[in-house]
């Protein structure tokens, strides 16, 4: 949630301040970058069946982190391409993420685990992360803040997925 909401909120400022794009163009790039993710969401279930929960989860998380990091630097076309790829991975994460959450928690606590997860990700992801990215963008640079967030996402995701005990029940 933090990678999606934080990046989404700060892309216009990043494009205007560091890429020299006009406000209107920045908003058009942001809006258009979110359309591709709608086409990939239905394929997530098929991907889970083909490669399994762990690999799909790793693909979505590391893909999100890599696309976020790679959106920080490069020419405008590259940034736009990475900003289009990033929400594809983010959107595809949620079906596999909730499926894995139901597999790693005891069946009796599934409702509680989902509620706590959604609450925590909302507070951290929609509150703390955008504020931290905005501060880092103003203090350092938006490009560097995206690179650092993406790198941290890749590292944390690799550790988290490696430590999961997923029972591959359907």
C-alpha atoms as a PDB file:
ATOM      1  CA  UNK A   1       0.000   0.000   0.000  1.00  0.00           C
ATOM      2  CA  UNK A   2       2.831   2.384   0.839  1.00  0.00           C
ATOM      3  CA  UNK A   3       4.556   1.811  -2.449  1.00  0.00           C
ATOM      4  CA  UNK A   4       1.324   2.300  -4.383  1.00  0.00           C
ATOM      5  CA  UNK A   5      -0.159   5.256  -2.495  1.00  0.00           C
ATOM      6  CA  UNK A   6       3.154   6.954  -1.769  1.00  0.00           C
ATOM      7  CA  UNK A   7       4.423   6.748  -5.319  1.00  0.00           C
ATOM      8  CA  UNK A   8       1.017   7.664  -6.767  1.00  0.00           C
ATOM      9  CA  UNK A   9       0.788  10.781  -4.601  1.00  0.00           C
ATOM     10  CA  UNK A  10       4.285  11.988  -5.392  1.00  0.00           C
ATOM     11  CA  UNK A  11       4.626  11.191  -9.099  1.00  0.00           C
ATOM     12  CA  UNK A  12       3.216  14.555 -10.240  1.00  0.00           C
ATOM     13  CA  UNK A  13       5.629  16.479  -7.988  1.00  0.00           C
ATOM     14  CA  UNK A  14       8.493  14.263  -9.160  1.00  0.00           C
ATOM     15  CA  UNK A  15       7.676  14.756 -12.844  1.00  0.00           C
ATOM     16  CA  UNK A  16       7.228  18.513 -12.508  1.00  0.00           C
ATOM     17  CA  UNK A  17      10.151  19.239 -10.198  1.00  0.00           C
ATOM     18  CA  UNK A  18      12.799  16.828 -11.446  1.00  0.00           C
ATOM     19  CA  UNK A  19      11.768  15.877 -14.986  1.00  0.00           C
ATOM     20  CA  UNK A  20      10.652  19.371 -16.075  1.00  0.00           C
ATOM     21  CA  UNK A  21       7.199  18.232 -17.201  1.00  0.00           C
ATOM     22  CA  UNK A  22       4.205  20.574 -17.034  1.00  0.00           C
ATOM     23  CA  UNK A  23       1.538  19.908 -14.402  1.00  0.00           C
ATOM     24  CA  UNK A  24      -1.086  18.896 -16.937  1.00  0.00           C
ATOM     25  CA  UNK A  25       1.270  16.506 -18.701  1.00  0.00           C
ATOM     26  CA  UNK A  26       2.385  15.035 -15.371  1.00  0.00           C
ATOM     27  CA  UNK A  27      -1.220  14.318 -14.438  1.00  0.00           C
ATOM     28  CA  UNK A  28      -1.892  12.738 -17.842  1.00  0.00           C
ATOM     29  CA  UNK A  29       1.183  10.513 -17.490  1.00  0.00           C
ATOM     30  CA  UNK A  30       0.061   9.497 -14.003  1.00  0.00           C
ATOM     31  CA  UNK A  31      -3.486   8.719 -15.122  1.00  0.00           C
ATOM     32  CA  UNK A  32      -2.427   6.754 -18.183  1.00  0.00           C
ATOM     33  CA  UNK A  33       0.174   4.812 -16.199  1.00  0.00           C
ATOM     34  CA  UNK A  34      -2.577   3.222 -14.109  1.00  0.00           C
ATOM     35  CA  UNK A  35      -4.651   1.859 -17.011  1.00  0.00           C
ATOM     36  CA  UNK A  36      -2.408  -1.107 -17.907  1.00  0.00           C
ATOM     37  CA  UNK A  37      -2.822  -2.657 -14.470  1.00  0.00           C
ATOM     38  CA  UNK A  38      -6.513  -3.299 -15.141  1.00  0.00           C
ATOM     39  CA  UNK A  39      -5.639  -5.666 -17.987  1.00  0.00           C
ATOM     40  CA  UNK A  40      -3.263  -7.765 -15.882  1.00  0.00           C
ATOM     41  CA  UNK A  41      -5.379  -8.226 -12.760  1.00  0.00           C
ATOM     42  CA  UNK A  42      -7.543 -11.060 -14.161  1.00  0.00           C
ATOM     43  CA  UNK A  43      -4.401 -12.997 -15.092  1.00  0.00           C
ATOM     44  CA  UNK A  44      -3.174 -13.145 -11.489  1.00  0.00           C
ATOM     45  CA  UNK A  45      -5.189 -16.266 -10.644  1.00  0.00           C
ATOM     46  CA  UNK A  46      -3.841 -18.033 -13.703  1.00  0.00           C
ATOM     47  CA  UNK A  47      -0.279 -17.059 -12.756  1.00  0.00           C
ATOM     48  CA  UNK A  48      -0.786 -18.371  -9.206  1.00  0.00           C
ATOM     49  CA  UNK A  49      -1.962 -21.721 -10.581  1.00  0.00           C
ATOM     50  CA  UNK A  50       0.990 -21.934 -12.980  1.00  0.00           C
ATOM     51  CA  UNK A  51       3.896 -20.954 -10.708  1.00  0.00           C
ATOM     52  CA  UNK A  52       2.469 -21.183  -7.170  1.00  0.00           C
ATOM     53  CA  UNK A  53       1.872 -18.765  -4.338  1.00  0.00           C
ATOM     54  CA  UNK A  54       5.465 -18.179  -3.265  1.00  0.00           C
ATOM     55  CA  UNK A  55       6.800 -17.412  -6.751  1.00  0.00           C
ATOM     56  CA  UNK A  56       3.826 -15.213  -7.624  1.00  0.00           C
ATOM     57  CA  UNK A  57       4.212 -13.312  -4.371  1.00  0.00           C
ATOM     58  CA  UNK A  58       7.939 -12.896  -4.955  1.00  0.00           C
ATOM     59  CA  UNK A  59       7.355 -11.788  -8.549  1.00  0.00           C
ATOM     60  CA  UNK A  60       4.811  -9.170  -7.490  1.00  0.00           C
ATOM     61  CA  UNK A  61       6.832  -7.806  -4.574  1.00  0.00           C
ATOM     62  CA  UNK A  62      10.245  -7.756  -6.223  1.00  0.00           C
ATOM     63  CA  UNK A  63       8.696  -6.492  -9.468  1.00  0.00           C
ATOM     64  CA  UNK A  64       7.069  -3.629  -7.562  1.00  0.00           C
ATOM     65  CA  UNK A  65      10.319  -2.739  -5.850  1.00  0.00           C
ATOM     66  CA  UNK A  66      12.385  -2.954  -9.019  1.00  0.00           C
ATOM     67  CA  UNK A  67       9.941  -0.875 -11.077  1.00  0.00           C
ATOM     68  CA  UNK A  68       9.776   1.724  -8.293  1.00  0.00           C
ATOM     69  CA  UNK A  69      13.560   1.934  -8.054  1.00  0.00           C
ATOM     70  CA  UNK A  70      14.036   2.040 -11.820  1.00  0.00           C
ATOM     71  CA  UNK A  71      11.478   4.832 -12.210  1.00  0.00           C
ATOM     72  CA  UNK A  72      13.759   7.189 -10.310  1.00  0.00           C
ATOM     73  CA  UNK A  73      16.370   7.751 -12.990  1.00  0.00           C
ATOM     74  CA  UNK A  74      16.531   7.765 -16.753  1.00  0.00           C
ATOM     75  CA  UNK A  75      14.876   9.701 -19.536  1.00  0.00           C
ATOM     76  CA  UNK A  76      11.195  10.616 -19.344  1.00  0.00           C
ATOM     77  CA  UNK A  77      10.079   7.717 -21.556  1.00  0.00           C
ATOM     78  CA  UNK A  78      11.857   5.268 -19.225  1.00  0.00           C
ATOM     79  CA  UNK A  79      10.291   6.830 -16.147  1.00  0.00           C
ATOM     80  CA  UNK A  80       6.844   6.666 -17.780  1.00  0.00           C
ATOM     81  CA  UNK A  81       7.403   3.004 -18.706  1.00  0.00           C
ATOM     82  CA  UNK A  82       8.466   2.080 -15.163  1.00  0.00           C
ATOM     83  CA  UNK A  83       5.556   4.059 -13.710  1.00  0.00           C
ATOM     84  CA  UNK A  84       3.261   2.014 -15.965  1.00  0.00           C
ATOM     85  CA  UNK A  85       4.850  -1.289 -14.949  1.00  0.00           C
ATOM     86  CA  UNK A  86       4.896  -0.533 -11.216  1.00  0.00           C
ATOM     87  CA  UNK A  87       1.103  -0.521 -10.654  1.00  0.00           C
ATOM     88  CA  UNK A  88       0.781  -3.749 -12.657  1.00  0.00           C
ATOM     89  CA  UNK A  89       2.860  -5.544 -10.036  1.00  0.00           C
ATOM     90  CA  UNK A  90       1.119  -3.729  -7.171  1.00  0.00           C
ATOM     91  CA  UNK A  91      -2.392  -4.611  -8.352  1.00  0.00           C
ATOM     92  CA  UNK A  92      -1.431  -8.237  -8.962  1.00  0.00           C
ATOM     93  CA  UNK A  93       0.004  -8.450  -5.452  1.00  0.00           C
ATOM     94  CA  UNK A  94      -3.320  -8.110  -3.632  1.00  0.00           C
ATOM     95  CA  UNK A  95      -5.019 -11.346  -4.782  1.00  0.00           C
ATOM     96  CA  UNK A  96      -1.946 -13.447  -4.027  1.00  0.00           C
ATOM     97  CA  UNK A  97      -1.204 -11.471  -0.863  1.00  0.00           C
ATOM     98  CA  UNK A  98      -4.626 -12.132   0.642  1.00  0.00           C
ATOM     99  CA  UNK A  99      -4.527 -15.765  -0.488  1.00  0.00           C
ATOM    100  CA  UNK A 100      -1.153 -16.275   1.201  1.00  0.00           C
ATOM    101  CA  UNK A 101      -2.371 -14.445   4.302  1.00  0.00           C
ATOM    102  CA  UNK A 102      -5.209 -16.942   4.595  1.00  0.00           C
ATOM    103  CA  UNK A 103      -2.745 -19.822   4.181  1.00  0.00           C
ATOM    104  CA  UNK A 104      -0.194 -18.710   6.779  1.00  0.00           C
ATOM    105  CA  UNK A 105      -2.697 -17.824   9.525  1.00  0.00           C
ATOM    106  CA  UNK A 106      -4.764 -20.331  11.471  1.00  0.00           C
ATOM    107  CA  UNK A 107      -8.203 -20.727   9.928  1.00  0.00           C
ATOM    108  CA  UNK A 108      -9.899 -19.529  13.124  1.00  0.00           C
ATOM    109  CA  UNK A 109      -8.075 -16.175  12.957  1.00  0.00           C
ATOM    110  CA  UNK A 110      -8.338 -15.420   9.218  1.00  0.00           C
ATOM    111  CA  UNK A 111     -10.847 -12.605   9.761  1.00  0.00           C
ATOM    112  CA  UNK A 112      -8.722 -11.009  12.468  1.00  0.00           C
ATOM    113  CA  UNK A 113      -5.514 -11.315  10.442  1.00  0.00           C
ATOM    114  CA  UNK A 114      -7.103  -9.661   7.402  1.00  0.00           C
ATOM    115  CA  UNK A 115      -8.582  -6.858   9.533  1.00  0.00           C
ATOM    116  CA  UNK A 116      -5.304  -6.132  11.300  1.00  0.00           C
ATOM    117  CA  UNK A 117      -3.335  -6.319   8.069  1.00  0.00           C
ATOM    118  CA  UNK A 118      -5.625  -3.883   6.271  1.00  0.00           C
ATOM    119  CA  UNK A 119      -5.599  -1.491   9.230  1.00  0.00           C
ATOM    120  CA  UNK A 120      -1.812  -1.556   9.616  1.00  0.00           C
ATOM    121  CA  UNK A 121      -1.126  -1.198   5.909  1.00  0.00           C
ATOM    122  CA  UNK A 122      -3.560   1.709   5.722  1.00  0.00           C
ATOM    123  CA  UNK A 123      -1.924   3.582   8.588  1.00  0.00           C
ATOM    124  CA  UNK A 124       1.626   2.896   7.443  1.00  0.00           C
ATOM    125  CA  UNK A 125       1.064   2.781   3.696  1.00  0.00           C
ATOM    126  CA  UNK A 126      -1.416   5.597   3.200  1.00  0.00           C
ATOM    127  CA  UNK A 127      -0.179   7.803   6.044  1.00  0.00           C
ATOM    128  CA  UNK A 128       3.437   7.346   6.999  1.00  0.00           C
ATOM    129  CA  UNK A 129       4.959   6.333   3.636  1.00  0.00           C
ATOM    130  CA  UNK A 130       3.665   9.249   1.542  1.00  0.00           C
ATOM    131  CA  UNK A 131       4.829  11.658   4.242  1.00  0.00           C
ATOM    132  CA  UNK A 132       8.257  10.012   4.389  1.00  0.00           C
ATOM    133  CA  UNK A 133       8.585  10.028   0.594  1.00  0.00           C
ATOM    134  CA  UNK A 134       7.548  13.682   0.431  1.00  0.00           C
ATOM    135  CA  UNK A 135      10.092  14.592   3.088  1.00  0.00           C
ATOM    136  CA  UNK A 136      12.836  12.607   1.332  1.00  0.00           C
ATOM    137  CA  UNK A 137      11.855  14.148  -2.000  1.00  0.00           C
ATOM    138  CA  UNK A 138      12.138  17.659  -0.621  1.00  0.00           C
ATOM    139  CA  UNK A 139      15.279  16.959   1.405  1.00  0.00           C
ATOM    140  CA  UNK A 140      17.199  14.725  -1.019  1.00  0.00           C
ATOM    141  CA  UNK A 141      15.383  14.206  -4.315  1.00  0.00           C
ATOM    142  CA  UNK A 142      12.265  12.408  -5.451  1.00  0.00           C
ATOM    143  CA  UNK A 143      14.316  10.200  -7.763  1.00  0.00           C
ATOM    144  CA  UNK A 144      16.567   9.093  -4.919  1.00  0.00           C
ATOM    145  CA  UNK A 145      13.590   8.514  -2.625  1.00  0.00           C
ATOM    146  CA  UNK A 146      11.993   6.237  -5.256  1.00  0.00           C
ATOM    147  CA  UNK A 147      15.255   4.333  -5.699  1.00  0.00           C
ATOM    148  CA  UNK A 148      15.693   3.882  -1.953  1.00  0.00           C
ATOM    149  CA  UNK A 149      12.067   2.816  -1.484  1.00  0.00           C
ATOM    150  CA  UNK A 150      12.314   0.325  -4.353  1.00  0.00           C
ATOM    151  CA  UNK A 151      15.582  -1.125  -3.073  1.00  0.00           C
ATOM    152  CA  UNK A 152      14.189  -1.448   0.449  1.00  0.00           C
ATOM    153  CA  UNK A 153      11.066  -3.089  -0.973  1.00  0.00           C
ATOM    154  CA  UNK A 154      13.141  -5.656  -2.902  1.00  0.00           C
ATOM    155  CA  UNK A 155      15.312  -6.494   0.096  1.00  0.00           C
ATOM    156  CA  UNK A 156      12.435  -6.738   2.572  1.00  0.00           C
ATOM    157  CA  UNK A 157      10.340  -8.755   0.123  1.00  0.00           C
ATOM    158  CA  UNK A 158      13.084 -11.279  -0.520  1.00  0.00           C
ATOM    159  CA  UNK A 159      13.536 -11.833   3.214  1.00  0.00           C
ATOM    160  CA  UNK A 160       9.800 -12.014   3.902  1.00  0.00           C
ATOM    161  CA  UNK A 161       8.985 -14.439   1.090  1.00  0.00           C
ATOM    162  CA  UNK A 162      11.924 -16.682   1.958  1.00  0.00           C
ATOM    163  CA  UNK A 163      10.708 -16.982   5.556  1.00  0.00           C
ATOM    164  CA  UNK A 164       7.057 -17.744   4.793  1.00  0.00           C
ATOM    165  CA  UNK A 165       5.660 -21.151   5.632  1.00  0.00           C
ATOM    166  CA  UNK A 166       3.011 -21.491   2.951  1.00  0.00           C
ATOM    167  CA  UNK A 167       0.874 -24.592   2.883  1.00  0.00           C
ATOM    168  CA  UNK A 168      -0.011 -24.884  -0.792  1.00  0.00           C
ATOM    169  CA  UNK A 169      -3.634 -25.870  -0.245  1.00  0.00           C
ATOM    170  CA  UNK A 170      -6.194 -24.760  -2.780  1.00  0.00           C
END
